[in-house]
Amino acid sequence: MATTAYHHGDLRRALVAEARGLLAEAGVQGMSLREVARRAGVSQTAPYRHFEDRGALLEAVAAEGFGSLARYTAERAAGGRSARSRLRRGSLAYVEFAMSNPDLFRLMFSGPEFHESAEARASYRAWVELITDAQASGDLAGGSTGRKARSLWSLIHGVADLAVNGHLADEEWPRLAGAAVDTMLTGMGLTGMGA
């Protein structure tokens, strides 16, 4: 790659993209600023213009991961016709994202510097919005929106963590996730079974 490819302020984005690719190939342990720079076609010192160290680059990768997770979950949830379907689809999308990006998912939740970021909080707000919409439609009783969102997120995050770490077979997690979400939603008093 040419070193001139990253003018006009997009070097940071290019470095994060290369780091995300390297993460998928080599995991967190295989991540180095030197290798990211090489893949981006820039000098070994160029990343330091944007990132203080490897940890700062990993924080940027995790932040981008939370943004991707939030978008993917919201897009999939939006295809549902009922509140139950939107919550179910969003929940399954969460696990799908984790299974498609296992090293990224692990990184995102590996420490507070990652999962307590503004991007992580924005990603969590998607659950609050889905619960709020279900309450506004009358399909879900009022009450603590935050508690209901945390409960559903905790459940589906647990399934995702089990699946990503090999404790559930690839063919097992979709069925388990669907059943767990349906049980949780029924327990919350969510009405409607529509697609």
N, C-alpha and C. Protein backbone atom coordinates (compact mmCIF):
# COMPACT_ATOMS: atom_id res chain seq x y z
N MET A 1 0.84 -1.19 0.00
CA MET A 1 0.00 0.00 0.00
C MET A 1 0.88 1.24 0.00
N ALA A 2 0.39 2.27 -0.63
CA ALA A 2 1.14 3.51 -0.68
C ALA A 2 0.96 4.29 0.61
N THR A 3 2.03 4.94 1.04
CA THR A 3 1.93 5.69 2.29
C THR A 3 1.16 6.98 2.12
N THR A 4 0.86 7.36 0.89
CA THR A 4 0.11 8.59 0.65
C THR A 4 -1.40 8.35 0.65
N ALA A 5 -1.83 7.13 0.87
CA ALA A 5 -3.25 6.79 0.77
C ALA A 5 -4.09 7.38 1.90
N TYR A 6 -3.46 7.86 2.95
CA TYR A 6 -4.24 8.26 4.11
C TYR A 6 -4.10 9.73 4.44
N HIS A 7 -4.22 10.58 3.44
CA HIS A 7 -4.24 12.02 3.68
C HIS A 7 -5.65 12.44 4.09
N HIS A 8 -5.81 13.69 4.40
CA HIS A 8 -7.12 14.31 4.69
C HIS A 8 -7.78 13.76 5.94
N GLY A 9 -6.97 13.38 6.92
CA GLY A 9 -7.53 13.04 8.22
C GLY A 9 -8.13 11.67 8.37
N ASP A 10 -7.94 10.77 7.42
CA ASP A 10 -8.55 9.46 7.59
C ASP A 10 -7.55 8.39 8.04
N LEU A 11 -6.35 8.76 8.44
CA LEU A 11 -5.38 7.78 8.92
C LEU A 11 -5.90 7.08 10.18
N ARG A 12 -6.48 7.82 11.08
CA ARG A 12 -7.00 7.21 12.31
C ARG A 12 -8.01 6.12 11.98
N ARG A 13 -8.94 6.43 11.11
CA ARG A 13 -9.96 5.45 10.72
C ARG A 13 -9.32 4.24 10.04
N ALA A 14 -8.32 4.50 9.18
CA ALA A 14 -7.63 3.41 8.50
C ALA A 14 -6.90 2.51 9.50
N LEU A 15 -6.28 3.11 10.49
CA LEU A 15 -5.57 2.34 11.51
C LEU A 15 -6.55 1.48 12.32
N VAL A 16 -7.69 2.04 12.66
CA VAL A 16 -8.69 1.28 13.41
C VAL A 16 -9.21 0.12 12.55
N ALA A 17 -9.44 0.37 11.27
CA ALA A 17 -9.91 -0.69 10.37
C ALA A 17 -8.87 -1.81 10.26
N GLU A 18 -7.62 -1.43 10.11
CA GLU A 18 -6.55 -2.44 10.03
C GLU A 18 -6.43 -3.19 11.35
N ALA A 19 -6.56 -2.49 12.45
CA ALA A 19 -6.48 -3.14 13.76
C ALA A 19 -7.64 -4.12 13.94
N ARG A 20 -8.80 -3.74 13.47
CA ARG A 20 -9.96 -4.63 13.59
C ARG A 20 -9.74 -5.90 12.76
N GLY A 21 -9.17 -5.74 11.57
CA GLY A 21 -8.85 -6.91 10.76
C GLY A 21 -7.80 -7.80 11.41
N LEU A 22 -6.77 -7.18 11.96
CA LEU A 22 -5.72 -7.93 12.65
C LEU A 22 -6.29 -8.64 13.88
N LEU A 23 -7.17 -7.99 14.59
CA LEU A 23 -7.80 -8.60 15.76
C LEU A 23 -8.55 -9.86 15.36
N ALA A 24 -9.28 -9.81 14.24
CA ALA A 24 -10.03 -10.97 13.77
C ALA A 24 -9.10 -12.12 13.38
N GLU A 25 -7.92 -11.78 12.88
CA GLU A 25 -6.97 -12.81 12.45
C GLU A 25 -6.12 -13.36 13.59
N ALA A 26 -5.64 -12.48 14.46
CA ALA A 26 -4.62 -12.87 15.43
C ALA A 26 -5.04 -12.73 16.88
N GLY A 27 -6.22 -12.18 17.14
CA GLY A 27 -6.66 -11.97 18.50
C GLY A 27 -5.94 -10.80 19.15
N VAL A 28 -6.31 -10.50 20.38
CA VAL A 28 -5.72 -9.37 21.09
C VAL A 28 -4.21 -9.57 21.27
N GLN A 29 -3.80 -10.80 21.55
CA GLN A 29 -2.38 -11.06 21.79
C GLN A 29 -1.53 -10.79 20.55
N GLY A 30 -2.11 -10.92 19.37
CA GLY A 30 -1.37 -10.69 18.14
C GLY A 30 -1.39 -9.25 17.66
N MET A 31 -1.98 -8.37 18.44
CA MET A 31 -2.13 -6.97 18.04
C MET A 31 -0.89 -6.17 18.40
N SER A 32 -0.33 -5.47 17.41
CA SER A 32 0.79 -4.56 17.67
C SER A 32 0.64 -3.33 16.79
N LEU A 33 1.04 -2.20 17.31
CA LEU A 33 1.00 -0.97 16.52
C LEU A 33 1.89 -1.10 15.29
N ARG A 34 2.99 -1.78 15.43
CA ARG A 34 3.90 -1.96 14.30
C ARG A 34 3.22 -2.70 13.15
N GLU A 35 2.51 -3.79 13.47
CA GLU A 35 1.84 -4.56 12.43
C GLU A 35 0.67 -3.78 11.83
N VAL A 36 -0.04 -3.05 12.66
CA VAL A 36 -1.14 -2.22 12.15
C VAL A 36 -0.60 -1.17 11.18
N ALA A 37 0.52 -0.54 11.54
CA ALA A 37 1.15 0.46 10.66
C ALA A 37 1.58 -0.18 9.35
N ARG A 38 2.18 -1.36 9.44
CA ARG A 38 2.62 -2.05 8.22
C ARG A 38 1.43 -2.33 7.31
N ARG A 39 0.35 -2.82 7.87
CA ARG A 39 -0.83 -3.13 7.07
C ARG A 39 -1.46 -1.88 6.47
N ALA A 40 -1.36 -0.77 7.19
CA ALA A 40 -1.92 0.49 6.68
C ALA A 40 -0.99 1.16 5.68
N GLY A 41 0.24 0.64 5.57
CA GLY A 41 1.18 1.21 4.62
C GLY A 41 1.78 2.52 5.07
N VAL A 42 1.95 2.68 6.38
CA VAL A 42 2.52 3.91 6.92
C VAL A 42 3.73 3.56 7.78
N SER A 43 4.46 4.57 8.18
CA SER A 43 5.64 4.35 9.02
C SER A 43 5.23 3.80 10.38
N GLN A 44 6.18 3.19 11.06
CA GLN A 44 5.90 2.62 12.38
C GLN A 44 5.55 3.68 13.42
N THR A 45 5.95 4.91 13.17
CA THR A 45 5.64 5.97 14.13
C THR A 45 4.31 6.67 13.83
N ALA A 46 3.78 6.49 12.64
CA ALA A 46 2.54 7.18 12.25
C ALA A 46 1.37 6.93 13.21
N PRO A 47 1.16 5.71 13.69
CA PRO A 47 0.02 5.49 14.60
C PRO A 47 0.08 6.34 15.86
N TYR A 48 1.29 6.70 16.28
CA TYR A 48 1.43 7.48 17.52
C TYR A 48 0.91 8.91 17.38
N ARG A 49 0.63 9.33 16.17
CA ARG A 49 0.00 10.65 15.97
C ARG A 49 -1.47 10.61 16.40
N HIS A 50 -2.02 9.42 16.45
CA HIS A 50 -3.44 9.26 16.78
C HIS A 50 -3.70 8.46 18.05
N PHE A 51 -2.74 7.61 18.41
CA PHE A 51 -2.93 6.73 19.57
C PHE A 51 -1.68 6.75 20.44
N GLU A 52 -1.87 6.99 21.71
CA GLU A 52 -0.75 7.05 22.64
C GLU A 52 0.01 5.73 22.71
N ASP A 53 -0.76 4.64 22.66
CA ASP A 53 -0.15 3.32 22.76
C ASP A 53 -1.13 2.27 22.24
N ARG A 54 -0.74 1.02 22.34
CA ARG A 54 -1.56 -0.10 21.89
C ARG A 54 -2.92 -0.10 22.60
N GLY A 55 -2.92 0.20 23.89
CA GLY A 55 -4.17 0.23 24.65
C GLY A 55 -5.15 1.26 24.11
N ALA A 56 -4.64 2.41 23.70
CA ALA A 56 -5.52 3.45 23.14
C ALA A 56 -6.11 2.99 21.81
N LEU A 57 -5.31 2.29 21.01
CA LEU A 57 -5.83 1.75 19.75
C LEU A 57 -6.90 0.70 20.03
N LEU A 58 -6.66 -0.17 21.00
CA LEU A 58 -7.66 -1.18 21.35
C LEU A 58 -8.94 -0.53 21.85
N GLU A 59 -8.83 0.57 22.60
CA GLU A 59 -10.03 1.29 23.04
C GLU A 59 -10.82 1.80 21.85
N ALA A 60 -10.12 2.31 20.83
CA ALA A 60 -10.80 2.81 19.63
C ALA A 60 -11.47 1.67 18.87
N VAL A 61 -10.81 0.53 18.81
CA VAL A 61 -11.40 -0.64 18.14
C VAL A 61 -12.65 -1.09 18.89
N ALA A 62 -12.57 -1.15 20.22
CA ALA A 62 -13.73 -1.55 21.02
C ALA A 62 -14.87 -0.55 20.85
N ALA A 63 -14.56 0.74 20.83
CA ALA A 63 -15.60 1.76 20.65
C ALA A 63 -16.29 1.58 19.31
N GLU A 64 -15.51 1.33 18.26
CA GLU A 64 -16.11 1.08 16.95
C GLU A 64 -16.96 -0.18 16.98
N GLY A 65 -16.49 -1.18 17.72
CA GLY A 65 -17.26 -2.42 17.86
C GLY A 65 -18.62 -2.17 18.50
N PHE A 66 -18.66 -1.35 19.53
CA PHE A 66 -19.94 -1.04 20.16
C PHE A 66 -20.87 -0.31 19.19
N GLY A 67 -20.31 0.58 18.38
CA GLY A 67 -21.12 1.25 17.37
C GLY A 67 -21.68 0.27 16.37
N SER A 68 -20.85 -0.66 15.91
CA SER A 68 -21.30 -1.68 14.96
C SER A 68 -22.36 -2.58 15.57
N LEU A 69 -22.16 -2.96 16.82
CA LEU A 69 -23.14 -3.80 17.52
C LEU A 69 -24.47 -3.08 17.65
N ALA A 70 -24.45 -1.82 18.02
CA ALA A 70 -25.70 -1.05 18.18
C ALA A 70 -26.43 -0.94 16.85
N ARG A 71 -25.70 -0.64 15.78
CA ARG A 71 -26.34 -0.52 14.46
C ARG A 71 -26.93 -1.85 14.01
N TYR A 72 -26.16 -2.92 14.16
CA TYR A 72 -26.62 -4.23 13.72
C TYR A 72 -27.87 -4.66 14.50
N THR A 73 -27.84 -4.48 15.80
CA THR A 73 -28.97 -4.84 16.63
C THR A 73 -30.21 -4.03 16.26
N ALA A 74 -30.04 -2.72 16.09
CA ALA A 74 -31.17 -1.85 15.75
C ALA A 74 -31.74 -2.19 14.38
N GLU A 75 -30.86 -2.44 13.41
CA GLU A 75 -31.33 -2.78 12.06
C GLU A 75 -32.14 -4.06 12.06
N ARG A 76 -31.65 -5.07 12.76
CA ARG A 76 -32.36 -6.34 12.81
C ARG A 76 -33.66 -6.22 13.58
N ALA A 77 -33.65 -5.48 14.68
CA ALA A 77 -34.86 -5.32 15.49
C ALA A 77 -35.94 -4.58 14.71
N ALA A 78 -35.54 -3.62 13.91
CA ALA A 78 -36.50 -2.79 13.17
C ALA A 78 -37.35 -3.61 12.21
N GLY A 79 -36.90 -4.79 11.82
CA GLY A 79 -37.67 -5.62 10.90
C GLY A 79 -38.85 -6.33 11.54
N GLY A 80 -38.98 -6.25 12.85
CA GLY A 80 -40.09 -6.92 13.53
C GLY A 80 -41.36 -6.10 13.47
N ARG A 81 -42.49 -6.78 13.36
CA ARG A 81 -43.78 -6.07 13.28
C ARG A 81 -44.40 -5.82 14.64
N SER A 82 -44.00 -6.59 15.64
CA SER A 82 -44.55 -6.42 16.99
C SER A 82 -43.41 -6.11 17.95
N ALA A 83 -43.78 -5.63 19.12
CA ALA A 83 -42.77 -5.35 20.14
C ALA A 83 -42.00 -6.61 20.50
N ARG A 84 -42.71 -7.72 20.65
CA ARG A 84 -42.05 -8.99 20.98
C ARG A 84 -41.06 -9.37 19.88
N SER A 85 -41.49 -9.25 18.66
CA SER A 85 -40.61 -9.61 17.54
C SER A 85 -39.39 -8.71 17.48
N ARG A 86 -39.58 -7.43 17.71
CA ARG A 86 -38.43 -6.51 17.68
C ARG A 86 -37.44 -6.85 18.79
N LEU A 87 -37.95 -7.13 19.99
CA LEU A 87 -37.06 -7.49 21.09
C LEU A 87 -36.36 -8.83 20.82
N ARG A 88 -37.09 -9.77 20.28
CA ARG A 88 -36.50 -11.08 19.97
C ARG A 88 -35.45 -10.95 18.87
N ARG A 89 -35.79 -10.24 17.81
CA ARG A 89 -34.85 -10.07 16.69
C ARG A 89 -33.60 -9.31 17.14
N GLY A 90 -33.78 -8.28 17.95
CA GLY A 90 -32.62 -7.54 18.45
C GLY A 90 -31.74 -8.42 19.33
N SER A 91 -32.37 -9.25 20.14
CA SER A 91 -31.62 -10.15 21.02
C SER A 91 -30.82 -11.17 20.22
N LEU A 92 -31.44 -11.77 19.24
CA LEU A 92 -30.73 -12.75 18.41
C LEU A 92 -29.62 -12.08 17.61
N ALA A 93 -29.85 -10.85 17.17
CA ALA A 93 -28.82 -10.11 16.44
C ALA A 93 -27.60 -9.88 17.31
N TYR A 94 -27.82 -9.63 18.58
CA TYR A 94 -26.72 -9.42 19.52
C TYR A 94 -25.80 -10.65 19.54
N VAL A 95 -26.41 -11.83 19.63
CA VAL A 95 -25.61 -13.06 19.66
C VAL A 95 -24.97 -13.30 18.30
N GLU A 96 -25.69 -13.03 17.22
CA GLU A 96 -25.12 -13.18 15.88
C GLU A 96 -23.88 -12.31 15.72
N PHE A 97 -23.97 -11.07 16.18
CA PHE A 97 -22.82 -10.17 16.09
C PHE A 97 -21.64 -10.75 16.86
N ALA A 98 -21.90 -11.22 18.07
CA ALA A 98 -20.83 -11.80 18.89
C ALA A 98 -20.20 -13.00 18.19
N MET A 99 -21.02 -13.86 17.61
CA MET A 99 -20.50 -15.05 16.95
C MET A 99 -19.74 -14.71 15.67
N SER A 100 -20.12 -13.64 15.01
CA SER A 100 -19.43 -13.21 13.79
C SER A 100 -18.15 -12.46 14.09
N ASN A 101 -18.02 -11.93 15.29
CA ASN A 101 -16.87 -11.10 15.69
C ASN A 101 -16.39 -11.52 17.08
N PRO A 102 -16.00 -12.77 17.26
CA PRO A 102 -15.72 -13.25 18.62
C PRO A 102 -14.58 -12.51 19.33
N ASP A 103 -13.48 -12.24 18.63
CA ASP A 103 -12.37 -11.55 19.30
C ASP A 103 -12.73 -10.10 19.61
N LEU A 104 -13.46 -9.46 18.71
CA LEU A 104 -13.91 -8.10 18.96
C LEU A 104 -14.86 -8.08 20.15
N PHE A 105 -15.80 -9.01 20.18
CA PHE A 105 -16.77 -9.08 21.27
C PHE A 105 -16.06 -9.28 22.61
N ARG A 106 -15.10 -10.19 22.64
CA ARG A 106 -14.34 -10.41 23.88
C ARG A 106 -13.61 -9.14 24.29
N LEU A 107 -12.99 -8.47 23.33
CA LEU A 107 -12.28 -7.22 23.63
C LEU A 107 -13.23 -6.19 24.22
N MET A 108 -14.40 -6.05 23.62
CA MET A 108 -15.36 -5.03 24.04
C MET A 108 -15.73 -5.16 25.51
N PHE A 109 -15.75 -6.38 26.01
CA PHE A 109 -16.17 -6.60 27.39
C PHE A 109 -15.03 -7.07 28.29
N SER A 110 -13.80 -6.83 27.87
CA SER A 110 -12.65 -7.33 28.62
C SER A 110 -12.19 -6.42 29.75
N GLY A 111 -12.66 -5.20 29.80
CA GLY A 111 -12.26 -4.31 30.88
C GLY A 111 -13.10 -3.06 30.89
N PRO A 112 -13.14 -2.37 32.02
CA PRO A 112 -13.98 -1.18 32.14
C PRO A 112 -13.59 -0.06 31.18
N GLU A 113 -12.32 0.00 30.79
CA GLU A 113 -11.93 1.05 29.84
C GLU A 113 -12.65 0.87 28.51
N PHE A 114 -13.15 -0.33 28.24
CA PHE A 114 -13.88 -0.59 27.01
C PHE A 114 -15.39 -0.52 27.24
N HIS A 115 -15.90 -1.32 28.17
CA HIS A 115 -17.36 -1.44 28.30
C HIS A 115 -18.00 -0.34 29.13
N GLU A 116 -17.23 0.61 29.63
CA GLU A 116 -17.82 1.77 30.31
C GLU A 116 -17.66 3.04 29.48
N SER A 117 -17.36 2.88 28.21
CA SER A 117 -17.16 4.02 27.32
C SER A 117 -18.50 4.62 26.90
N ALA A 118 -18.45 5.80 26.33
CA ALA A 118 -19.67 6.45 25.81
C ALA A 118 -20.31 5.58 24.73
N GLU A 119 -19.49 4.95 23.90
CA GLU A 119 -20.03 4.09 22.83
C GLU A 119 -20.72 2.87 23.41
N ALA A 120 -20.17 2.32 24.48
CA ALA A 120 -20.81 1.17 25.13
C ALA A 120 -22.15 1.58 25.73
N ARG A 121 -22.18 2.74 26.36
CA ARG A 121 -23.45 3.22 26.93
C ARG A 121 -24.48 3.48 25.83
N ALA A 122 -24.03 4.00 24.69
CA ALA A 122 -24.95 4.23 23.57
C ALA A 122 -25.49 2.91 23.04
N SER A 123 -24.64 1.90 23.01
CA SER A 123 -25.07 0.58 22.55
C SER A 123 -26.12 0.01 23.50
N TYR A 124 -25.93 0.18 24.79
CA TYR A 124 -26.89 -0.31 25.77
C TYR A 124 -28.22 0.43 25.64
N ARG A 125 -28.17 1.71 25.28
CA ARG A 125 -29.42 2.48 25.16
C ARG A 125 -30.37 1.87 24.14
N ALA A 126 -29.84 1.08 23.20
CA ALA A 126 -30.72 0.41 22.24
C ALA A 126 -31.70 -0.52 22.96
N TRP A 127 -31.24 -1.17 24.02
CA TRP A 127 -32.13 -2.05 24.81
C TRP A 127 -33.19 -1.23 25.53
N VAL A 128 -32.79 -0.11 26.07
CA VAL A 128 -33.73 0.77 26.76
C VAL A 128 -34.79 1.26 25.77
N GLU A 129 -34.37 1.62 24.57
CA GLU A 129 -35.32 2.10 23.56
C GLU A 129 -36.30 1.01 23.14
N LEU A 130 -35.82 -0.22 22.98
CA LEU A 130 -36.72 -1.31 22.62
C LEU A 130 -37.75 -1.56 23.72
N ILE A 131 -37.32 -1.54 24.97
CA ILE A 131 -38.25 -1.72 26.09
C ILE A 131 -39.21 -0.54 26.17
N THR A 132 -38.71 0.67 26.00
CA THR A 132 -39.55 1.87 26.03
C THR A 132 -40.62 1.80 24.95
N ASP A 133 -40.24 1.38 23.75
CA ASP A 133 -41.20 1.26 22.65
C ASP A 133 -42.27 0.21 22.98
N ALA A 134 -41.86 -0.90 23.58
CA ALA A 134 -42.82 -1.95 23.95
C ALA A 134 -43.79 -1.44 25.01
N GLN A 135 -43.29 -0.62 25.94
CA GLN A 135 -44.17 -0.04 26.95
C GLN A 135 -45.10 0.99 26.33
N ALA A 136 -44.58 1.80 25.42
CA ALA A 136 -45.39 2.84 24.78
C ALA A 136 -46.51 2.23 23.94
N SER A 137 -46.25 1.08 23.33
CA SER A 137 -47.27 0.43 22.50
C SER A 137 -48.33 -0.26 23.34
N GLY A 138 -48.08 -0.40 24.64
CA GLY A 138 -49.02 -1.09 25.52
C GLY A 138 -48.79 -2.59 25.55
N ASP A 139 -47.80 -3.09 24.80
CA ASP A 139 -47.52 -4.52 24.79
C ASP A 139 -46.76 -4.97 26.04
N LEU A 140 -46.13 -4.04 26.72
CA LEU A 140 -45.37 -4.35 27.92
C LEU A 140 -45.79 -3.37 29.01
N ALA A 141 -46.08 -3.91 30.17
CA ALA A 141 -46.49 -3.05 31.29
C ALA A 141 -45.39 -2.07 31.63
N GLY A 142 -45.81 -0.94 32.20
CA GLY A 142 -44.85 0.07 32.64
C GLY A 142 -43.99 -0.49 33.76
N GLY A 143 -43.36 0.38 34.45
CA GLY A 143 -42.45 -0.05 35.51
C GLY A 143 -41.05 0.36 35.16
N SER A 144 -40.11 -0.26 35.79
CA SER A 144 -38.72 0.13 35.61
C SER A 144 -38.19 -0.29 34.25
N THR A 145 -38.16 0.66 33.34
CA THR A 145 -37.63 0.41 32.00
C THR A 145 -36.18 -0.03 32.09
N GLY A 146 -35.40 0.66 32.91
CA GLY A 146 -33.98 0.32 33.04
C GLY A 146 -33.76 -1.08 33.56
N ARG A 147 -34.54 -1.49 34.56
CA ARG A 147 -34.39 -2.84 35.12
C ARG A 147 -34.75 -3.89 34.07
N LYS A 148 -35.82 -3.64 33.33
CA LYS A 148 -36.22 -4.60 32.29
C LYS A 148 -35.17 -4.68 31.19
N ALA A 149 -34.64 -3.54 30.80
CA ALA A 149 -33.60 -3.52 29.76
C ALA A 149 -32.34 -4.25 30.25
N ARG A 150 -31.94 -3.98 31.49
CA ARG A 150 -30.75 -4.66 32.04
C ARG A 150 -30.97 -6.17 32.15
N SER A 151 -32.17 -6.56 32.52
CA SER A 151 -32.47 -7.99 32.65
C SER A 151 -32.37 -8.69 31.30
N LEU A 152 -32.99 -8.10 30.28
CA LEU A 152 -32.94 -8.71 28.96
C LEU A 152 -31.52 -8.70 28.41
N TRP A 153 -30.83 -7.58 28.55
CA TRP A 153 -29.45 -7.50 28.07
C TRP A 153 -28.57 -8.51 28.80
N SER A 154 -28.74 -8.64 30.11
CA SER A 154 -27.93 -9.59 30.88
C SER A 154 -28.15 -11.02 30.39
N LEU A 155 -29.40 -11.35 30.13
CA LEU A 155 -29.73 -12.68 29.65
C LEU A 155 -29.05 -12.94 28.31
N ILE A 156 -29.25 -12.05 27.37
CA ILE A 156 -28.75 -12.30 26.02
C ILE A 156 -27.23 -12.17 25.97
N HIS A 157 -26.65 -11.31 26.80
CA HIS A 157 -25.19 -11.23 26.86
C HIS A 157 -24.62 -12.54 27.41
N GLY A 158 -25.29 -13.12 28.37
CA GLY A 158 -24.84 -14.41 28.89
C GLY A 158 -24.85 -15.49 27.83
N VAL A 159 -25.91 -15.54 27.03
CA VAL A 159 -25.97 -16.51 25.93
C VAL A 159 -24.85 -16.24 24.94
N ALA A 160 -24.64 -14.96 24.59
CA ALA A 160 -23.58 -14.60 23.65
C ALA A 160 -22.21 -15.01 24.19
N ASP A 161 -21.97 -14.74 25.45
CA ASP A 161 -20.68 -15.09 26.06
C ASP A 161 -20.46 -16.60 26.05
N LEU A 162 -21.49 -17.36 26.39
CA LEU A 162 -21.38 -18.82 26.36
C LEU A 162 -21.10 -19.31 24.94
N ALA A 163 -21.81 -18.76 23.97
CA ALA A 163 -21.64 -19.19 22.58
C ALA A 163 -20.25 -18.83 22.06
N VAL A 164 -19.81 -17.61 22.29
CA VAL A 164 -18.51 -17.15 21.80
C VAL A 164 -17.36 -17.96 22.41
N ASN A 165 -17.52 -18.37 23.63
CA ASN A 165 -16.45 -19.09 24.32
C ASN A 165 -16.57 -20.61 24.21
N GLY A 166 -17.41 -21.06 23.26
CA GLY A 166 -17.47 -22.47 22.93
C GLY A 166 -18.26 -23.35 23.86
N HIS A 167 -19.08 -22.76 24.71
CA HIS A 167 -19.87 -23.56 25.64
C HIS A 167 -21.22 -23.97 25.06
N LEU A 168 -21.55 -23.44 23.89
CA LEU A 168 -22.77 -23.83 23.18
C LEU A 168 -22.38 -24.18 21.75
N ALA A 169 -22.93 -25.25 21.23
CA ALA A 169 -22.66 -25.64 19.85
C ALA A 169 -23.24 -24.59 18.90
N ASP A 170 -22.62 -24.46 17.74
CA ASP A 170 -23.08 -23.47 16.76
C ASP A 170 -24.56 -23.64 16.42
N GLU A 171 -25.02 -24.88 16.37
CA GLU A 171 -26.43 -25.11 16.03
C GLU A 171 -27.34 -24.98 17.25
N GLU A 172 -26.76 -24.94 18.44
CA GLU A 172 -27.54 -24.89 19.67
C GLU A 172 -27.92 -23.47 20.10
N TRP A 173 -27.02 -22.50 19.92
CA TRP A 173 -27.27 -21.18 20.50
C TRP A 173 -28.50 -20.48 19.92
N PRO A 174 -28.82 -20.58 18.61
CA PRO A 174 -30.01 -19.85 18.15
C PRO A 174 -31.29 -20.33 18.84
N ARG A 175 -31.40 -21.64 19.01
CA ARG A 175 -32.58 -22.20 19.66
C ARG A 175 -32.62 -21.79 21.14
N LEU A 176 -31.48 -21.90 21.81
CA LEU A 176 -31.42 -21.53 23.22
C LEU A 176 -31.69 -20.04 23.41
N ALA A 177 -31.09 -19.21 22.57
CA ALA A 177 -31.29 -17.76 22.68
C ALA A 177 -32.76 -17.41 22.47
N GLY A 178 -33.37 -17.99 21.45
CA GLY A 178 -34.79 -17.72 21.19
C GLY A 178 -35.67 -18.14 22.34
N ALA A 179 -35.44 -19.34 22.88
CA ALA A 179 -36.25 -19.83 24.00
C ALA A 179 -36.03 -18.97 25.24
N ALA A 180 -34.79 -18.60 25.51
CA ALA A 180 -34.50 -17.78 26.69
C ALA A 180 -35.17 -16.41 26.59
N VAL A 181 -35.09 -15.80 25.41
CA VAL A 181 -35.71 -14.48 25.22
C VAL A 181 -37.22 -14.60 25.34
N ASP A 182 -37.82 -15.61 24.72
CA ASP A 182 -39.27 -15.79 24.81
C ASP A 182 -39.70 -15.96 26.27
N THR A 183 -38.97 -16.75 27.02
CA THR A 183 -39.29 -16.96 28.44
C THR A 183 -39.18 -15.65 29.21
N MET A 184 -38.11 -14.90 28.97
CA MET A 184 -37.92 -13.61 29.65
C MET A 184 -39.04 -12.64 29.30
N LEU A 185 -39.38 -12.54 28.01
CA LEU A 185 -40.42 -11.60 27.59
C LEU A 185 -41.77 -11.98 28.16
N THR A 186 -42.07 -13.27 28.20
CA THR A 186 -43.32 -13.73 28.80
C THR A 186 -43.33 -13.40 30.29
N GLY A 187 -42.21 -13.62 30.95
CA GLY A 187 -42.10 -13.29 32.37
C GLY A 187 -42.27 -11.81 32.65
N MET A 188 -41.85 -10.99 31.70
CA MET A 188 -42.02 -9.54 31.84
C MET A 188 -43.46 -9.11 31.57
N GLY A 189 -44.26 -10.06 31.03
CA GLY A 189 -45.64 -9.73 30.73
C GLY A 189 -45.85 -9.14 29.35
N LEU A 190 -44.91 -9.37 28.45
CA LEU A 190 -45.03 -8.84 27.10
C LEU A 190 -46.08 -9.63 26.34
N THR A 191 -47.04 -8.93 25.78
CA THR A 191 -48.10 -9.57 25.01
C THR A 191 -47.70 -9.63 23.55
N GLY A 192 -48.48 -10.35 22.78
CA GLY A 192 -48.27 -10.39 21.33
C GLY A 192 -47.22 -11.40 20.94
N MET A 193 -47.52 -12.16 19.91
CA MET A 193 -46.58 -13.17 19.42
C MET A 193 -46.23 -12.90 17.96
N GLY A 194 -46.64 -11.75 17.41
CA GLY A 194 -46.46 -11.50 15.99
C GLY A 194 -45.02 -11.44 15.56
N ALA A 195 -44.85 -11.65 14.26
CA ALA A 195 -43.51 -11.59 13.67
C ALA A 195 -43.08 -10.20 13.61
